[in-house]
């Protein structure tokens, strides 16, 4: 089982087994990201909060894709369009 919950600017997710025993839990932003979120909120007031918590990930993706455009080197760790389409199929199945 999986569940996801949003409270304010924080997203929580949990995975449990069939008996309801928690196997994994994650929240975003985590403690490590909080300081970066506060800095970005001051720098970009009014922006959507999820941009702040995911800022390091966006920077990584932009860097890898930019490098691929400039050099032709594969952007490792970045989903392709085919992977994105397959992921949407899974999401539609789960709904």
PDB file of N, CA and C in Angstrom:
ATOM      1  N   UNK A   1       0.836  -1.182   0.000  1.00  0.00           N
ATOM      2  CA  UNK A   1       0.000   0.000   0.000  1.00  0.00           C
ATOM      3  C   UNK A   1       0.872   1.233   0.000  1.00  0.00           C
ATOM      4  N   UNK A   2       0.379   2.271  -0.638  1.00  0.00           N
ATOM      5  CA  UNK A   2       1.091   3.543  -0.643  1.00  0.00           C
ATOM      6  C   UNK A   2       0.087   4.643  -0.354  1.00  0.00           C
ATOM      7  N   UNK A   3       0.543   5.681   0.325  1.00  0.00           N
ATOM      8  CA  UNK A   3      -0.284   6.877   0.468  1.00  0.00           C
ATOM      9  C   UNK A   3       0.595   8.097   0.404  1.00  0.00           C
ATOM     10  N   UNK A   4      -0.019   9.162  -0.012  1.00  0.00           N
ATOM     11  CA  UNK A   4       0.683  10.438  -0.103  1.00  0.00           C
ATOM     12  C   UNK A   4      -0.247  11.501   0.450  1.00  0.00           C
ATOM     13  N   UNK A   5       0.318  12.471   1.150  1.00  0.00           N
ATOM     14  CA  UNK A   5      -0.494  13.502   1.782  1.00  0.00           C
ATOM     15  C   UNK A   5       0.259  14.825   1.725  1.00  0.00           C
ATOM     16  N   UNK A   6      -0.460  15.891   1.486  1.00  0.00           N
ATOM     17  CA  UNK A   6       0.141  17.222   1.496  1.00  0.00           C
ATOM     18  C   UNK A   6      -0.417  18.000   2.662  1.00  0.00           C
ATOM     19  N   UNK A   7       0.454  18.679   3.380  1.00  0.00           N
ATOM     20  CA  UNK A   7       0.037  19.580   4.452  1.00  0.00           C
ATOM     21  C   UNK A   7       0.850  20.850   4.283  1.00  0.00           C
ATOM     22  N   UNK A   8       0.196  21.902   3.843  1.00  0.00           N
ATOM     23  CA  UNK A   8       0.930  23.132   3.583  1.00  0.00           C
ATOM     24  C   UNK A   8       1.899  22.919   2.439  1.00  0.00           C
ATOM     25  N   UNK A   9       3.162  23.183   2.696  1.00  0.00           N
ATOM     26  CA  UNK A   9       4.185  23.046   1.669  1.00  0.00           C
ATOM     27  C   UNK A   9       4.956  21.743   1.800  1.00  0.00           C
ATOM     28  N   UNK A  10       4.479  20.827   2.639  1.00  0.00           N
ATOM     29  CA  UNK A  10       5.183  19.578   2.871  1.00  0.00           C
ATOM     30  C   UNK A  10       4.375  18.411   2.322  1.00  0.00           C
ATOM     31  N   UNK A  11       5.057  17.514   1.627  1.00  0.00           N
ATOM     32  CA  UNK A  11       4.441  16.322   1.064  1.00  0.00           C
ATOM     33  C   UNK A  11       4.967  15.113   1.826  1.00  0.00           C
ATOM     34  N   UNK A  12       4.065  14.229   2.215  1.00  0.00           N
ATOM     35  CA  UNK A  12       4.428  13.022   2.937  1.00  0.00           C
ATOM     36  C   UNK A  12       4.043  11.800   2.110  1.00  0.00           C
ATOM     37  N   UNK A  13       4.871  10.786   2.139  1.00  0.00           N
ATOM     38  CA  UNK A  13       4.545   9.538   1.474  1.00  0.00           C
ATOM     39  C   UNK A  13       4.952   8.363   2.350  1.00  0.00           C
ATOM     40  N   UNK A  14       4.185   7.272   2.278  1.00  0.00           N
ATOM     41  CA  UNK A  14       4.479   6.096   3.089  1.00  0.00           C
ATOM     42  C   UNK A  14       4.114   4.847   2.293  1.00  0.00           C
ATOM     43  N   UNK A  15       4.914   3.810   2.444  1.00  0.00           N
ATOM     44  CA  UNK A  15       4.646   2.518   1.828  1.00  0.00           C
ATOM     45  C   UNK A  15       4.525   1.507   2.959  1.00  0.00           C
ATOM     46  N   UNK A  16       3.482   0.666   2.891  1.00  0.00           N
ATOM     47  CA  UNK A  16       3.296  -0.369   3.913  1.00  0.00           C
ATOM     48  C   UNK A  16       3.060  -1.708   3.237  1.00  0.00           C
ATOM     49  N   UNK A  17       3.241  -2.776   4.003  1.00  0.00           N
ATOM     50  CA  UNK A  17       2.948  -4.101   3.465  1.00  0.00           C
ATOM     51  C   UNK A  17       1.446  -4.381   3.599  1.00  0.00           C
ATOM     52  N   UNK A  18       1.017  -5.568   3.210  1.00  0.00           N
ATOM     53  CA  UNK A  18      -0.402  -5.914   3.212  1.00  0.00           C
ATOM     54  C   UNK A  18      -1.016  -5.864   4.610  1.00  0.00           C
ATOM     55  N   UNK A  19      -0.196  -6.024   5.644  1.00  0.00           N
ATOM     56  CA  UNK A  19      -0.694  -5.980   7.018  1.00  0.00           C
ATOM     57  C   UNK A  19      -0.698  -4.577   7.604  1.00  0.00           C
ATOM     58  N   UNK A  20      -0.281  -3.600   6.819  1.00  0.00           N
ATOM     59  CA  UNK A  20      -0.260  -2.224   7.290  1.00  0.00           C
ATOM     60  C   UNK A  20       1.029  -1.823   7.979  1.00  0.00           C
ATOM     61  N   UNK A  21       2.010  -2.729   8.026  1.00  0.00           N
ATOM     62  CA  UNK A  21       3.288  -2.401   8.650  1.00  0.00           C
ATOM     63  C   UNK A  21       4.058  -1.441   7.746  1.00  0.00           C
ATOM     64  N   UNK A  22       4.500  -0.329   8.325  1.00  0.00           N
ATOM     65  CA  UNK A  22       5.219   0.674   7.554  1.00  0.00           C
ATOM     66  C   UNK A  22       6.573   0.138   7.106  1.00  0.00           C
ATOM     67  N   UNK A  23       6.833   0.238   5.802  1.00  0.00           N
ATOM     68  CA  UNK A  23       8.101  -0.204   5.233  1.00  0.00           C
ATOM     69  C   UNK A  23       9.018   0.969   4.918  1.00  0.00           C
ATOM     70  N   UNK A  24       8.426   2.102   4.564  1.00  0.00           N
ATOM     71  CA  UNK A  24       9.207   3.273   4.178  1.00  0.00           C
ATOM     72  C   UNK A  24       8.354   4.519   4.329  1.00  0.00           C
ATOM     73  N   UNK A  25       8.979   5.615   4.761  1.00  0.00           N
ATOM     74  CA  UNK A  25       8.299   6.906   4.873  1.00  0.00           C
ATOM     75  C   UNK A  25       9.258   7.998   4.395  1.00  0.00           C
ATOM     76  N   UNK A  26       8.697   8.987   3.718  1.00  0.00           N
ATOM     77  CA  UNK A  26       9.515  10.104   3.237  1.00  0.00           C
ATOM     78  C   UNK A  26       8.678  11.370   3.298  1.00  0.00           C
ATOM     79  N   UNK A  27       9.320  12.468   3.620  1.00  0.00           N
ATOM     80  CA  UNK A  27       8.652  13.764   3.531  1.00  0.00           C
ATOM     81  C   UNK A  27       9.531  14.708   2.733  1.00  0.00           C
ATOM     82  N   UNK A  28       8.879  15.674   2.109  1.00  0.00           N
ATOM     83  CA  UNK A  28       9.604  16.606   1.265  1.00  0.00           C
ATOM     84  C   UNK A  28       9.038  17.988   1.483  1.00  0.00           C
ATOM     85  N   UNK A  29       9.777  18.993   1.778  1.00  0.00           N
ATOM     86  CA  UNK A  29      11.231  18.940   1.893  1.00  0.00           C
ATOM     87  C   UNK A  29      11.662  18.262   3.192  1.00  0.00           C
ATOM     88  N   UNK A  30      12.816  17.611   3.136  1.00  0.00           N
ATOM     89  CA  UNK A  30      13.347  17.002   4.352  1.00  0.00           C
ATOM     90  C   UNK A  30      14.143  18.063   5.114  1.00  0.00           C
ATOM     91  N   UNK A  31      14.671  17.693   6.247  1.00  0.00           N
ATOM     92  CA  UNK A  31      15.390  18.653   7.097  1.00  0.00           C
ATOM     93  C   UNK A  31      16.551  19.304   6.354  1.00  0.00           C
ATOM     94  N   UNK A  32      17.214  18.536   5.511  1.00  0.00           N
ATOM     95  CA  UNK A  32      18.366  19.047   4.768  1.00  0.00           C
ATOM     96  C   UNK A  32      17.972  20.161   3.794  1.00  0.00           C
ATOM     97  N   UNK A  33      16.763  20.049   3.233  1.00  0.00           N
ATOM     98  CA  UNK A  33      16.314  21.026   2.243  1.00  0.00           C
ATOM     99  C   UNK A  33      15.714  22.288   2.858  1.00  0.00           C
ATOM    100  N   UNK A  34      15.350  22.246   4.136  1.00  0.00           N
ATOM    101  CA  UNK A  34      14.640  23.370   4.758  1.00  0.00           C
ATOM    102  C   UNK A  34      15.391  24.701   4.648  1.00  0.00           C
ATOM    103  N   UNK A  35      16.689  24.708   4.898  1.00  0.00           N
ATOM    104  CA  UNK A  35      17.460  25.957   4.841  1.00  0.00           C
ATOM    105  C   UNK A  35      17.443  26.530   3.426  1.00  0.00           C
ATOM    106  N   UNK A  36      17.578  25.671   2.426  1.00  0.00           N
ATOM    107  CA  UNK A  36      17.535  26.115   1.039  1.00  0.00           C
ATOM    108  C   UNK A  36      16.156  26.677   0.690  1.00  0.00           C
ATOM    109  N   UNK A  37      15.106  26.054   1.204  1.00  0.00           N
ATOM    110  CA  UNK A  37      13.744  26.520   0.952  1.00  0.00           C
ATOM    111  C   UNK A  37      13.561  27.927   1.506  1.00  0.00           C
ATOM    112  N   UNK A  38      14.002  28.169   2.717  1.00  0.00           N
ATOM    113  CA  UNK A  38      13.873  29.493   3.327  1.00  0.00           C
ATOM    114  C   UNK A  38      14.617  30.551   2.516  1.00  0.00           C
ATOM    115  N   UNK A  39      15.817  30.227   2.065  1.00  0.00           N
ATOM    116  CA  UNK A  39      16.608  31.167   1.252  1.00  0.00           C
ATOM    117  C   UNK A  39      15.885  31.492  -0.049  1.00  0.00           C
ATOM    118  N   UNK A  40      15.369  30.470  -0.720  1.00  0.00           N
ATOM    119  CA  UNK A  40      14.703  30.675  -2.010  1.00  0.00           C
ATOM    120  C   UNK A  40      13.372  31.399  -1.855  1.00  0.00           C
ATOM    121  N   UNK A  41      12.648  31.157  -0.760  1.00  0.00           N
ATOM    122  CA  UNK A  41      11.394  31.871  -0.519  1.00  0.00           C
ATOM    123  C   UNK A  41      11.634  33.374  -0.423  1.00  0.00           C
ATOM    124  N   UNK A  42      12.731  33.763   0.205  1.00  0.00           N
ATOM    125  CA  UNK A  42      13.068  35.183   0.324  1.00  0.00           C
ATOM    126  C   UNK A  42      13.493  35.766  -1.026  1.00  0.00           C
ATOM    127  N   UNK A  43      14.216  34.976  -1.800  1.00  0.00           N
ATOM    128  CA  UNK A  43      14.722  35.444  -3.088  1.00  0.00           C
ATOM    129  C   UNK A  43      13.617  35.539  -4.145  1.00  0.00           C
ATOM    130  N   UNK A  44      12.632  34.610  -4.085  1.00  0.00           N
ATOM    131  CA  UNK A  44      11.574  34.543  -5.096  1.00  0.00           C
ATOM    132  C   UNK A  44      10.198  34.514  -4.437  1.00  0.00           C
ATOM    133  N   UNK A  45       9.789  35.607  -3.794  1.00  0.00           N
ATOM    134  CA  UNK A  45       8.482  35.612  -3.124  1.00  0.00           C
ATOM    135  C   UNK A  45       7.350  35.400  -4.131  1.00  0.00           C
ATOM    136  N   UNK A  46       6.381  34.605  -3.745  1.00  0.00           N
ATOM    137  CA  UNK A  46       5.237  34.356  -4.612  1.00  0.00           C
ATOM    138  C   UNK A  46       5.377  33.165  -5.534  1.00  0.00           C
ATOM    139  N   UNK A  47       6.564  32.587  -5.638  1.00  0.00           N
ATOM    140  CA  UNK A  47       6.739  31.407  -6.495  1.00  0.00           C
ATOM    141  C   UNK A  47       6.084  30.194  -5.822  1.00  0.00           C
ATOM    142  N   UNK A  48       5.742  29.216  -6.608  1.00  0.00           N
ATOM    143  CA  UNK A  48       5.107  28.008  -6.065  1.00  0.00           C
ATOM    144  C   UNK A  48       6.082  27.291  -5.139  1.00  0.00           C
ATOM    145  N   UNK A  49       5.634  26.888  -3.948  1.00  0.00           N
ATOM    146  CA  UNK A  49       6.522  26.297  -2.941  1.00  0.00           C
ATOM    147  C   UNK A  49       7.262  25.039  -3.388  1.00  0.00           C
ATOM    148  N   UNK A  50       6.643  24.231  -4.264  1.00  0.00           N
ATOM    149  CA  UNK A  50       7.321  22.993  -4.659  1.00  0.00           C
ATOM    150  C   UNK A  50       8.584  23.268  -5.462  1.00  0.00           C
ATOM    151  N   UNK A  51       8.681  24.431  -6.093  1.00  0.00           N
ATOM    152  CA  UNK A  51       9.913  24.778  -6.793  1.00  0.00           C
ATOM    153  C   UNK A  51      11.090  24.863  -5.822  1.00  0.00           C
ATOM    154  N   UNK A  52      10.831  25.359  -4.634  1.00  0.00           N
ATOM    155  CA  UNK A  52      11.912  25.548  -3.667  1.00  0.00           C
ATOM    156  C   UNK A  52      12.458  24.215  -3.164  1.00  0.00           C
ATOM    157  N   UNK A  53      11.579  23.302  -2.817  1.00  0.00           N
ATOM    158  CA  UNK A  53      12.043  22.027  -2.273  1.00  0.00           C
ATOM    159  C   UNK A  53      12.705  21.161  -3.332  1.00  0.00           C
ATOM    160  N   UNK A  54      12.353  21.383  -4.600  1.00  0.00           N
ATOM    161  CA  UNK A  54      12.921  20.575  -5.671  1.00  0.00           C
ATOM    162  C   UNK A  54      14.028  21.294  -6.436  1.00  0.00           C
ATOM    163  N   UNK A  55      14.429  22.468  -5.961  1.00  0.00           N
ATOM    164  CA  UNK A  55      15.438  23.274  -6.648  1.00  0.00           C
ATOM    165  C   UNK A  55      16.723  22.507  -6.961  1.00  0.00           C
ATOM    166  N   UNK A  56      17.313  21.765  -6.014  1.00  0.00           N
ATOM    167  CA  UNK A  56      18.551  21.039  -6.344  1.00  0.00           C
ATOM    168  C   UNK A  56      18.342  20.019  -7.469  1.00  0.00           C
ATOM    169  N   UNK A  57      17.166  19.371  -7.490  1.00  0.00           N
ATOM    170  CA  UNK A  57      16.886  18.391  -8.538  1.00  0.00           C
ATOM    171  C   UNK A  57      16.746  19.073  -9.896  1.00  0.00           C
ATOM    172  N   UNK A  58      16.056  20.220  -9.930  1.00  0.00           N
ATOM    173  CA  UNK A  58      15.917  20.956 -11.188  1.00  0.00           C
ATOM    174  C   UNK A  58      17.285  21.367 -11.718  1.00  0.00           C
ATOM    175  N   UNK A  59      18.149  21.832 -10.838  1.00  0.00           N
ATOM    176  CA  UNK A  59      19.492  22.262 -11.262  1.00  0.00           C
ATOM    177  C   UNK A  59      20.264  21.095 -11.861  1.00  0.00           C
ATOM    178  N   UNK A  60      20.168  19.932 -11.244  1.00  0.00           N
ATOM    179  CA  UNK A  60      20.855  18.742 -11.746  1.00  0.00           C
ATOM    180  C   UNK A  60      20.334  18.346 -13.127  1.00  0.00           C
ATOM    181  N   UNK A  61      19.013  18.327 -13.276  1.00  0.00           N
ATOM    182  CA  UNK A  61      18.426  17.954 -14.570  1.00  0.00           C
ATOM    183  C   UNK A  61      18.839  18.953 -15.645  1.00  0.00           C
ATOM    184  N   UNK A  62      18.747  20.255 -15.353  1.00  0.00           N
ATOM    185  CA  UNK A  62      19.134  21.265 -16.345  1.00  0.00           C
ATOM    186  C   UNK A  62      20.597  21.117 -16.741  1.00  0.00           C
ATOM    187  N   UNK A  63      21.452  20.848 -15.779  1.00  0.00           N
ATOM    188  CA  UNK A  63      22.870  20.679 -16.061  1.00  0.00           C
ATOM    189  C   UNK A  63      23.118  19.475 -16.968  1.00  0.00           C
ATOM    190  N   UNK A  64      22.492  18.354 -16.661  1.00  0.00           N
ATOM    191  CA  UNK A  64      22.704  17.131 -17.450  1.00  0.00           C
ATOM    192  C   UNK A  64      22.136  17.248 -18.856  1.00  0.00           C
ATOM    193  N   UNK A  65      20.931  17.823 -18.971  1.00  0.00           N
ATOM    194  CA  UNK A  65      20.316  17.965 -20.294  1.00  0.00           C
ATOM    195  C   UNK A  65      21.074  19.000 -21.118  1.00  0.00           C
ATOM    196  N   UNK A  66      21.506  20.085 -20.481  1.00  0.00           N
ATOM    197  CA  UNK A  66      22.305  21.085 -21.188  1.00  0.00           C
ATOM    198  C   UNK A  66      23.599  20.497 -21.723  1.00  0.00           C
ATOM    199  N   UNK A  67      24.235  19.657 -20.905  1.00  0.00           N
ATOM    200  CA  UNK A  67      25.471  19.008 -21.336  1.00  0.00           C
ATOM    201  C   UNK A  67      25.207  18.077 -22.518  1.00  0.00           C
ATOM    202  N   UNK A  68      24.063  17.371 -22.487  1.00  0.00           N
ATOM    203  CA  UNK A  68      23.724  16.490 -23.601  1.00  0.00           C
ATOM    204  C   UNK A  68      23.521  17.305 -24.877  1.00  0.00           C
ATOM    205  N   UNK A  69      22.847  18.448 -24.761  1.00  0.00           N
ATOM    206  CA  UNK A  69      22.629  19.304 -25.938  1.00  0.00           C
ATOM    207  C   UNK A  69      23.948  19.825 -26.500  1.00  0.00           C
ATOM    208  N   UNK A  70      24.876  20.156 -25.604  1.00  0.00           N
ATOM    209  CA  UNK A  70      26.145  20.744 -26.032  1.00  0.00           C
ATOM    210  C   UNK A  70      27.139  19.720 -26.553  1.00  0.00           C
ATOM    211  N   UNK A  71      27.132  18.505 -25.953  1.00  0.00           N
ATOM    212  CA  UNK A  71      28.172  17.534 -26.290  1.00  0.00           C
ATOM    213  C   UNK A  71      27.651  16.254 -26.931  1.00  0.00           C
ATOM    214  N   UNK A  72      26.355  15.999 -26.794  1.00  0.00           N
ATOM    215  CA  UNK A  72      25.799  14.746 -27.293  1.00  0.00           C
ATOM    216  C   UNK A  72      25.922  13.606 -26.302  1.00  0.00           C
ATOM    217  N   UNK A  73      26.595  13.858 -25.170  1.00  0.00           N
ATOM    218  CA  UNK A  73      26.748  12.832 -24.137  1.00  0.00           C
ATOM    219  C   UNK A  73      25.397  12.565 -23.476  1.00  0.00           C
ATOM    220  N   UNK A  74      25.067  11.285 -23.280  1.00  0.00           N
ATOM    221  CA  UNK A  74      23.779  10.921 -22.695  1.00  0.00           C
ATOM    222  C   UNK A  74      23.588  11.566 -21.324  1.00  0.00           C
ATOM    223  N   UNK A  75      22.371  12.055 -21.081  1.00  0.00           N
ATOM    224  CA  UNK A  75      22.028  12.662 -19.789  1.00  0.00           C
ATOM    225  C   UNK A  75      21.659  11.544 -18.815  1.00  0.00           C
ATOM    226  N   UNK A  76      22.637  11.012 -18.113  1.00  0.00           N
ATOM    227  CA  UNK A  76      22.395   9.884 -17.217  1.00  0.00           C
ATOM    228  C   UNK A  76      21.481  10.292 -16.066  1.00  0.00           C
ATOM    229  N   UNK A  77      20.594   9.374 -15.713  1.00  0.00           N
ATOM    230  CA  UNK A  77      19.695   9.608 -14.591  1.00  0.00           C
ATOM    231  C   UNK A  77      18.503  10.485 -14.917  1.00  0.00           C
ATOM    232  N   UNK A  78      18.330  10.828 -16.184  1.00  0.00           N
ATOM    233  CA  UNK A  78      17.213  11.669 -16.607  1.00  0.00           C
ATOM    234  C   UNK A  78      16.277  10.810 -17.450  1.00  0.00           C
ATOM    235  N   UNK A  79      14.996  10.830 -17.117  1.00  0.00           N
ATOM    236  CA  UNK A  79      14.022  10.012 -17.829  1.00  0.00           C
ATOM    237  C   UNK A  79      13.884  10.461 -19.275  1.00  0.00           C
ATOM    238  N   UNK A  80      13.767   9.499 -20.160  1.00  0.00           N
ATOM    239  CA  UNK A  80      13.502   9.778 -21.571  1.00  0.00           C
ATOM    240  C   UNK A  80      11.995   9.951 -21.768  1.00  0.00           C
ATOM    241  N   UNK A  81      11.599  10.378 -22.940  1.00  0.00           N
ATOM    242  CA  UNK A  81      10.172  10.491 -23.255  1.00  0.00           C
ATOM    243  C   UNK A  81       9.514   9.116 -23.144  1.00  0.00           C
ATOM    244  N   UNK A  82      10.192   8.067 -23.598  1.00  0.00           N
ATOM    245  CA  UNK A  82       9.625   6.717 -23.511  1.00  0.00           C
ATOM    246  C   UNK A  82       9.378   6.316 -22.057  1.00  0.00           C
ATOM    247  N   UNK A  83      10.325   6.606 -21.188  1.00  0.00           N
ATOM    248  CA  UNK A  83      10.150   6.294 -19.760  1.00  0.00           C
ATOM    249  C   UNK A  83       8.995   7.109 -19.186  1.00  0.00           C
ATOM    250  N   UNK A  84       8.907   8.381 -19.573  1.00  0.00           N
ATOM    251  CA  UNK A  84       7.816   9.228 -19.076  1.00  0.00           C
ATOM    252  C   UNK A  84       6.457   8.673 -19.510  1.00  0.00           C
ATOM    253  N   UNK A  85       6.344   8.230 -20.760  1.00  0.00           N
ATOM    254  CA  UNK A  85       5.081   7.661 -21.250  1.00  0.00           C
ATOM    255  C   UNK A  85       4.714   6.393 -20.496  1.00  0.00           C
ATOM    256  N   UNK A  86       5.683   5.533 -20.249  1.00  0.00           N
ATOM    257  CA  UNK A  86       5.421   4.302 -19.496  1.00  0.00           C
ATOM    258  C   UNK A  86       5.012   4.621 -18.056  1.00  0.00           C
ATOM    259  N   UNK A  87       5.622   5.631 -17.462  1.00  0.00           N
ATOM    260  CA  UNK A  87       5.283   6.043 -16.104  1.00  0.00           C
ATOM    261  C   UNK A  87       3.844   6.546 -16.035  1.00  0.00           C
ATOM    262  N   UNK A  88       3.421   7.301 -17.047  1.00  0.00           N
ATOM    263  CA  UNK A  88       2.039   7.773 -17.086  1.00  0.00           C
ATOM    264  C   UNK A  88       1.050   6.617 -17.216  1.00  0.00           C
ATOM    265  N   UNK A  89       1.427   5.583 -17.952  1.00  0.00           N
ATOM    266  CA  UNK A  89       0.562   4.404 -18.055  1.00  0.00           C
ATOM    267  C   UNK A  89       0.374   3.758 -16.694  1.00  0.00           C
ATOM    268  N   UNK A  90       1.451   3.665 -15.924  1.00  0.00           N
ATOM    269  CA  UNK A  90       1.367   3.099 -14.572  1.00  0.00           C
ATOM    270  C   UNK A  90       0.466   3.973 -13.706  1.00  0.00           C
ATOM    271  N   UNK A  91       0.649   5.293 -13.790  1.00  0.00           N
ATOM    272  CA  UNK A  91      -0.169   6.215 -12.998  1.00  0.00           C
ATOM    273  C   UNK A  91      -1.643   6.085 -13.357  1.00  0.00           C
ATOM    274  N   UNK A  92      -1.965   5.972 -14.635  1.00  0.00           N
ATOM    275  CA  UNK A  92      -3.340   5.814 -15.048  1.00  0.00           C
ATOM    276  C   UNK A  92      -3.919   4.499 -14.538  1.00  0.00           C
ATOM    277  N   UNK A  93      -3.116   3.454 -14.523  1.00  0.00           N
ATOM    278  CA  UNK A  93      -3.548   2.156 -14.011  1.00  0.00           C
ATOM    279  C   UNK A  93      -3.876   2.235 -12.523  1.00  0.00           C
ATOM    280  N   UNK A  94      -3.054   2.969 -11.785  1.00  0.00           N
ATOM    281  CA  UNK A  94      -3.241   3.070 -10.339  1.00  0.00           C
ATOM    282  C   UNK A  94      -4.445   3.907  -9.950  1.00  0.00           C
ATOM    283  N   UNK A  95      -4.874   4.787 -10.839  1.00  0.00           N
ATOM    284  CA  UNK A  95      -6.043   5.629 -10.555  1.00  0.00           C
ATOM    285  C   UNK A  95      -7.250   4.813 -10.827  1.00  0.00           C
TER     286      UNK A  95
END
